[in-house]
PDB file of all heavy atoms in Angstrom:
ATOM      1  N   ASP A   1     -15.767 -46.112 -12.269  1.00  0.00           N
ATOM      2  CA  ASP A   1     -15.070 -45.523 -13.412  1.00  0.00           C
ATOM      3  C   ASP A   1     -16.031 -45.255 -14.567  1.00  0.00           C
ATOM      4  O   ASP A   1     -15.626 -45.108 -15.692  1.00  0.00           O
ATOM      5  CB  ASP A   1     -13.949 -46.476 -13.851  1.00  0.00           C
ATOM      6  CG  ASP A   1     -13.011 -45.852 -14.861  1.00  0.00           C
ATOM      7  OD1 ASP A   1     -12.841 -44.616 -14.836  1.00  0.00           O
ATOM      8  OD2 ASP A   1     -12.451 -46.585 -15.677  1.00  0.00           O
ATOM      9  N   THR A   2     -17.341 -45.202 -14.272  1.00  0.00           N
ATOM     10  CA  THR A   2     -18.313 -44.953 -15.336  1.00  0.00           C
ATOM     11  C   THR A   2     -18.491 -43.463 -15.503  1.00  0.00           C
ATOM     12  O   THR A   2     -17.931 -42.671 -14.769  1.00  0.00           O
ATOM     13  CB  THR A   2     -19.668 -45.614 -15.004  1.00  0.00           C
ATOM     14  OG1 THR A   2     -20.162 -45.017 -13.809  1.00  0.00           O
ATOM     15  CG2 THR A   2     -19.538 -47.110 -14.870  1.00  0.00           C
ATOM     16  N   GLY A   3     -19.311 -43.057 -16.408  1.00  0.00           N
ATOM     17  CA  GLY A   3     -19.543 -41.656 -16.674  1.00  0.00           C
ATOM     18  C   GLY A   3     -20.385 -40.953 -15.618  1.00  0.00           C
ATOM     19  O   GLY A   3     -20.605 -39.760 -15.690  1.00  0.00           O
ATOM     20  N   SER A   4     -20.873 -41.689 -14.631  1.00  0.00           N
ATOM     21  CA  SER A   4     -21.715 -41.062 -13.623  1.00  0.00           C
ATOM     22  C   SER A   4     -20.910 -40.144 -12.721  1.00  0.00           C
ATOM     23  O   SER A   4     -19.703 -40.275 -12.595  1.00  0.00           O
ATOM     24  CB  SER A   4     -22.407 -42.152 -12.776  1.00  0.00           C
ATOM     25  OG  SER A   4     -21.466 -42.795 -11.953  1.00  0.00           O
ATOM     26  N   THR A   5     -21.597 -39.221 -12.089  1.00  0.00           N
ATOM     27  CA  THR A   5     -20.921 -38.276 -11.204  1.00  0.00           C
ATOM     28  C   THR A   5     -20.696 -38.868  -9.823  1.00  0.00           C
ATOM     29  O   THR A   5     -19.861 -38.385  -9.087  1.00  0.00           O
ATOM     30  CB  THR A   5     -21.737 -36.972 -11.077  1.00  0.00           C
ATOM     31  OG1 THR A   5     -23.030 -37.290 -10.594  1.00  0.00           O
ATOM     32  CG2 THR A   5     -21.812 -36.246 -12.405  1.00  0.00           C
ATOM     33  N   ALA A   6     -21.440 -39.887  -9.450  1.00  0.00           N
ATOM     34  CA  ALA A   6     -21.283 -40.484  -8.129  1.00  0.00           C
ATOM     35  C   ALA A   6     -20.118 -41.466  -8.138  1.00  0.00           C
ATOM     36  O   ALA A   6     -20.009 -42.330  -8.991  1.00  0.00           O
ATOM     37  CB  ALA A   6     -22.563 -41.219  -7.734  1.00  0.00           C
ATOM     38  N   SER A   7     -19.250 -41.288  -7.188  1.00  0.00           N
ATOM     39  CA  SER A   7     -18.116 -42.183  -7.030  1.00  0.00           C
ATOM     40  C   SER A   7     -17.862 -42.363  -5.547  1.00  0.00           C
ATOM     41  O   SER A   7     -17.754 -41.398  -4.817  1.00  0.00           O
ATOM     42  CB  SER A   7     -16.881 -41.595  -7.713  1.00  0.00           C
ATOM     43  OG  SER A   7     -15.771 -42.434  -7.507  1.00  0.00           O
ATOM     44  N   GLU A   8     -17.800 -43.602  -5.121  1.00  0.00           N
ATOM     45  CA  GLU A   8     -17.593 -43.875  -3.716  1.00  0.00           C
ATOM     46  C   GLU A   8     -16.329 -44.679  -3.553  1.00  0.00           C
ATOM     47  O   GLU A   8     -15.973 -45.487  -4.396  1.00  0.00           O
ATOM     48  CB  GLU A   8     -18.772 -44.656  -3.147  1.00  0.00           C
ATOM     49  CG  GLU A   8     -20.061 -43.918  -3.319  1.00  0.00           C
ATOM     50  CD  GLU A   8     -20.818 -43.779  -2.032  1.00  0.00           C
ATOM     51  OE1 GLU A   8     -20.311 -44.213  -0.988  1.00  0.00           O
ATOM     52  OE2 GLU A   8     -21.900 -43.227  -2.092  1.00  0.00           O
ATOM     53  N   GLU A   9     -15.666 -44.452  -2.441  1.00  0.00           N
ATOM     54  CA  GLU A   9     -14.418 -45.147  -2.191  1.00  0.00           C
ATOM     55  C   GLU A   9     -14.455 -45.701  -0.773  1.00  0.00           C
ATOM     56  O   GLU A   9     -14.824 -45.013   0.166  1.00  0.00           O
ATOM     57  CB  GLU A   9     -13.259 -44.171  -2.331  1.00  0.00           C
ATOM     58  CG  GLU A   9     -11.924 -44.853  -2.399  1.00  0.00           C
ATOM     59  CD  GLU A   9     -10.819 -43.893  -2.784  1.00  0.00           C
ATOM     60  OE1 GLU A   9     -11.070 -43.018  -3.641  1.00  0.00           O
ATOM     61  OE2 GLU A   9      -9.740 -44.026  -2.219  1.00  0.00           O
ATOM     62  N   LEU A  10     -14.114 -46.959  -0.653  1.00  0.00           N
ATOM     63  CA  LEU A  10     -14.001 -47.609   0.638  1.00  0.00           C
ATOM     64  C   LEU A  10     -12.522 -47.821   0.893  1.00  0.00           C
ATOM     65  O   LEU A  10     -11.874 -48.547   0.157  1.00  0.00           O
ATOM     66  CB  LEU A  10     -14.746 -48.952   0.612  1.00  0.00           C
ATOM     67  CG  LEU A  10     -14.579 -49.860   1.812  1.00  0.00           C
ATOM     68  CD1 LEU A  10     -15.194 -49.214   3.043  1.00  0.00           C
ATOM     69  CD2 LEU A  10     -15.230 -51.195   1.543  1.00  0.00           C
ATOM     70  N   LYS A  11     -12.004 -47.152   1.889  1.00  0.00           N
ATOM     71  CA  LYS A  11     -10.575 -47.248   2.172  1.00  0.00           C
ATOM     72  C   LYS A  11     -10.356 -48.305   3.245  1.00  0.00           C
ATOM     73  O   LYS A  11     -10.917 -48.219   4.327  1.00  0.00           O
ATOM     74  CB  LYS A  11     -10.037 -45.912   2.634  1.00  0.00           C
ATOM     75  CG  LYS A  11     -10.117 -44.880   1.559  1.00  0.00           C
ATOM     76  CD  LYS A  11      -8.974 -43.943   1.654  1.00  0.00           C
ATOM     77  CE  LYS A  11      -9.126 -42.953   0.509  1.00  0.00           C
ATOM     78  NZ  LYS A  11      -7.932 -42.550  -0.048  1.00  0.00           N
ATOM     79  N   THR A  12      -9.552 -49.274   2.915  1.00  0.00           N
ATOM     80  CA  THR A  12      -9.164 -50.306   3.859  1.00  0.00           C
ATOM     81  C   THR A  12      -7.815 -50.858   3.422  1.00  0.00           C
ATOM     82  O   THR A  12      -7.488 -50.838   2.247  1.00  0.00           O
ATOM     83  CB  THR A  12     -10.224 -51.415   3.975  1.00  0.00           C
ATOM     84  OG1 THR A  12      -9.791 -52.360   4.947  1.00  0.00           O
ATOM     85  CG2 THR A  12     -10.469 -52.118   2.662  1.00  0.00           C
ATOM     86  N   ALA A  13      -7.064 -51.330   4.345  1.00  0.00           N
ATOM     87  CA  ALA A  13      -5.720 -51.799   4.054  1.00  0.00           C
ATOM     88  C   ALA A  13      -5.720 -53.187   3.415  1.00  0.00           C
ATOM     89  O   ALA A  13      -4.823 -53.502   2.644  1.00  0.00           O
ATOM     90  CB  ALA A  13      -4.881 -51.810   5.330  1.00  0.00           C
ATOM     91  N   LYS A  14      -6.720 -53.984   3.715  1.00  0.00           N
ATOM     92  CA  LYS A  14      -6.683 -55.381   3.271  1.00  0.00           C
ATOM     93  C   LYS A  14      -8.044 -55.883   2.800  1.00  0.00           C
ATOM     94  O   LYS A  14      -9.078 -55.443   3.308  1.00  0.00           O
ATOM     95  CB  LYS A  14      -6.217 -56.266   4.425  1.00  0.00           C
ATOM     96  CG  LYS A  14      -4.860 -55.915   4.946  1.00  0.00           C
ATOM     97  CD  LYS A  14      -4.519 -56.799   6.120  1.00  0.00           C
ATOM     98  CE  LYS A  14      -3.162 -56.407   6.660  1.00  0.00           C
ATOM     99  NZ  LYS A  14      -2.765 -57.230   7.782  1.00  0.00           N
ATOM    100  N   LEU A  15      -7.996 -56.829   1.873  1.00  0.00           N
ATOM    101  CA  LEU A  15      -9.244 -57.456   1.424  1.00  0.00           C
ATOM    102  C   LEU A  15      -9.870 -58.283   2.538  1.00  0.00           C
ATOM    103  O   LEU A  15     -11.082 -58.490   2.537  1.00  0.00           O
ATOM    104  CB  LEU A  15      -8.979 -58.352   0.209  1.00  0.00           C
ATOM    105  CG  LEU A  15      -8.930 -57.653  -1.142  1.00  0.00           C
ATOM    106  CD1 LEU A  15      -8.675 -58.676  -2.254  1.00  0.00           C
ATOM    107  CD2 LEU A  15     -10.181 -56.875  -1.440  1.00  0.00           C
ATOM    108  N   THR A  16      -9.056 -58.735   3.471  1.00  0.00           N
ATOM    109  CA  THR A  16      -9.625 -59.480   4.603  1.00  0.00           C
ATOM    110  C   THR A  16     -10.600 -58.611   5.378  1.00  0.00           C
ATOM    111  O   THR A  16     -11.628 -59.085   5.850  1.00  0.00           O
ATOM    112  CB  THR A  16      -8.515 -60.010   5.540  1.00  0.00           C
ATOM    113  OG1 THR A  16      -7.663 -58.929   5.911  1.00  0.00           O
ATOM    114  CG2 THR A  16      -7.711 -61.109   4.887  1.00  0.00           C
ATOM    115  N   GLU A  17     -10.293 -57.308   5.501  1.00  0.00           N
ATOM    116  CA  GLU A  17     -11.196 -56.386   6.190  1.00  0.00           C
ATOM    117  C   GLU A  17     -12.481 -56.190   5.386  1.00  0.00           C
ATOM    118  O   GLU A  17     -13.563 -56.114   5.971  1.00  0.00           O
ATOM    119  CB  GLU A  17     -10.513 -55.039   6.422  1.00  0.00           C
ATOM    120  CG  GLU A  17      -9.372 -55.113   7.397  1.00  0.00           C
ATOM    121  CD  GLU A  17      -8.610 -53.806   7.522  1.00  0.00           C
ATOM    122  OE1 GLU A  17      -9.011 -52.808   6.875  1.00  0.00           O
ATOM    123  OE2 GLU A  17      -7.616 -53.796   8.254  1.00  0.00           O
ATOM    124  N   VAL A  18     -12.366 -56.112   4.076  1.00  0.00           N
ATOM    125  CA  VAL A  18     -13.554 -55.968   3.229  1.00  0.00           C
ATOM    126  C   VAL A  18     -14.422 -57.215   3.358  1.00  0.00           C
ATOM    127  O   VAL A  18     -15.635 -57.120   3.509  1.00  0.00           O
ATOM    128  CB  VAL A  18     -13.164 -55.734   1.743  1.00  0.00           C
ATOM    129  CG1 VAL A  18     -14.401 -55.718   0.850  1.00  0.00           C
ATOM    130  CG2 VAL A  18     -12.385 -54.440   1.603  1.00  0.00           C
ATOM    131  N   ALA A  19     -13.801 -58.392   3.311  1.00  0.00           N
ATOM    132  CA  ALA A  19     -14.536 -59.650   3.445  1.00  0.00           C
ATOM    133  C   ALA A  19     -15.274 -59.687   4.783  1.00  0.00           C
ATOM    134  O   ALA A  19     -16.447 -60.083   4.847  1.00  0.00           O
ATOM    135  CB  ALA A  19     -13.586 -60.834   3.333  1.00  0.00           C
ATOM    136  N   GLU A  20     -14.618 -59.247   5.825  1.00  0.00           N
ATOM    137  CA  GLU A  20     -15.234 -59.205   7.147  1.00  0.00           C
ATOM    138  C   GLU A  20     -16.443 -58.262   7.148  1.00  0.00           C
ATOM    139  O   GLU A  20     -17.497 -58.605   7.698  1.00  0.00           O
ATOM    140  CB  GLU A  20     -14.203 -58.722   8.159  1.00  0.00           C
ATOM    141  CG  GLU A  20     -14.456 -59.175   9.569  1.00  0.00           C
ATOM    142  CD  GLU A  20     -13.283 -58.856  10.463  1.00  0.00           C
ATOM    143  OE1 GLU A  20     -12.230 -59.489  10.319  1.00  0.00           O
ATOM    144  OE2 GLU A  20     -13.451 -57.951  11.294  1.00  0.00           O
ATOM    145  N   LEU A  21     -16.311 -57.086   6.538  1.00  0.00           N
ATOM    146  CA  LEU A  21     -17.422 -56.143   6.458  1.00  0.00           C
ATOM    147  C   LEU A  21     -18.616 -56.714   5.695  1.00  0.00           C
ATOM    148  O   LEU A  21     -19.765 -56.422   5.995  1.00  0.00           O
ATOM    149  CB  LEU A  21     -16.972 -54.843   5.776  1.00  0.00           C
ATOM    150  CG  LEU A  21     -16.059 -53.929   6.581  1.00  0.00           C
ATOM    151  CD1 LEU A  21     -15.476 -52.843   5.683  1.00  0.00           C
ATOM    152  CD2 LEU A  21     -16.811 -53.314   7.739  1.00  0.00           C
ATOM    153  N   LEU A  22     -18.310 -57.536   4.679  1.00  0.00           N
ATOM    154  CA  LEU A  22     -19.355 -58.127   3.850  1.00  0.00           C
ATOM    155  C   LEU A  22     -19.920 -59.424   4.433  1.00  0.00           C
ATOM    156  O   LEU A  22     -20.901 -59.953   3.928  1.00  0.00           O
ATOM    157  CB  LEU A  22     -18.824 -58.409   2.447  1.00  0.00           C
ATOM    158  CG  LEU A  22     -18.435 -57.189   1.617  1.00  0.00           C
ATOM    159  CD1 LEU A  22     -17.756 -57.609   0.336  1.00  0.00           C
ATOM    160  CD2 LEU A  22     -19.644 -56.321   1.340  1.00  0.00           C
ATOM    161  N   GLY A  23     -19.265 -59.944   5.449  1.00  0.00           N
ATOM    162  CA  GLY A  23     -19.736 -61.186   6.068  1.00  0.00           C
ATOM    163  C   GLY A  23     -19.404 -62.416   5.254  1.00  0.00           C
ATOM    164  O   GLY A  23     -20.182 -63.369   5.208  1.00  0.00           O
ATOM    165  N   THR A  24     -18.261 -62.404   4.593  1.00  0.00           N
ATOM    166  CA  THR A  24     -17.825 -63.545   3.786  1.00  0.00           C
ATOM    167  C   THR A  24     -16.359 -63.833   4.076  1.00  0.00           C
ATOM    168  O   THR A  24     -15.712 -63.104   4.809  1.00  0.00           O
ATOM    169  CB  THR A  24     -18.063 -63.280   2.281  1.00  0.00           C
ATOM    170  OG1 THR A  24     -17.896 -64.500   1.566  1.00  0.00           O
ATOM    171  CG2 THR A  24     -17.138 -62.219   1.729  1.00  0.00           C
ATOM    172  N   SER A  25     -15.850 -64.894   3.498  1.00  0.00           N
ATOM    173  CA  SER A  25     -14.442 -65.221   3.714  1.00  0.00           C
ATOM    174  C   SER A  25     -13.571 -64.496   2.692  1.00  0.00           C
ATOM    175  O   SER A  25     -14.016 -64.142   1.597  1.00  0.00           O
ATOM    176  CB  SER A  25     -14.229 -66.729   3.583  1.00  0.00           C
ATOM    177  OG  SER A  25     -14.381 -67.132   2.231  1.00  0.00           O
ATOM    178  N   TYR A  26     -12.326 -64.291   3.065  1.00  0.00           N
ATOM    179  CA  TYR A  26     -11.355 -63.676   2.161  1.00  0.00           C
ATOM    180  C   TYR A  26     -11.231 -64.519   0.898  1.00  0.00           C
ATOM    181  O   TYR A  26     -11.186 -63.999  -0.209  1.00  0.00           O
ATOM    182  CB  TYR A  26      -9.999 -63.544   2.845  1.00  0.00           C
ATOM    183  CG  TYR A  26      -8.885 -63.268   1.863  1.00  0.00           C
ATOM    184  CD1 TYR A  26      -8.722 -61.991   1.327  1.00  0.00           C
ATOM    185  CD2 TYR A  26      -8.034 -64.277   1.439  1.00  0.00           C
ATOM    186  CE1 TYR A  26      -7.719 -61.729   0.409  1.00  0.00           C
ATOM    187  CE2 TYR A  26      -7.038 -64.020   0.523  1.00  0.00           C
ATOM    188  CZ  TYR A  26      -6.894 -62.757   0.021  1.00  0.00           C
ATOM    189  OH  TYR A  26      -5.908 -62.498  -0.908  1.00  0.00           O
ATOM    190  N   ARG A  27     -11.183 -65.825   1.073  1.00  0.00           N
ATOM    191  CA  ARG A  27     -11.024 -66.746  -0.048  1.00  0.00           C
ATOM    192  C   ARG A  27     -12.151 -66.579  -1.070  1.00  0.00           C
ATOM    193  O   ARG A  27     -11.914 -66.521  -2.273  1.00  0.00           O
ATOM    194  CB  ARG A  27     -10.993 -68.169   0.499  1.00  0.00           C
ATOM    195  CG  ARG A  27     -10.499 -69.195  -0.445  1.00  0.00           C
ATOM    196  CD  ARG A  27     -10.495 -70.529   0.242  1.00  0.00           C
ATOM    197  NE  ARG A  27      -9.144 -71.061   0.211  1.00  0.00           N
ATOM    198  CZ  ARG A  27      -8.773 -72.145   0.822  1.00  0.00           C
ATOM    199  NH1 ARG A  27      -9.627 -72.803   1.569  1.00  0.00           N
ATOM    200  NH2 ARG A  27      -7.543 -72.568   0.707  1.00  0.00           N
TER     201      ARG A  27
END
C-alpha cells in the first residue's frame, strides 16, 4: 500500500497455507 508502483499479491485461502509455504507454523 506504499507509493511504489510494484504491488504483489499472494492468493491463498488460508494462513495455514502461507505458513506452510514459509516453512513455519500457523501459530
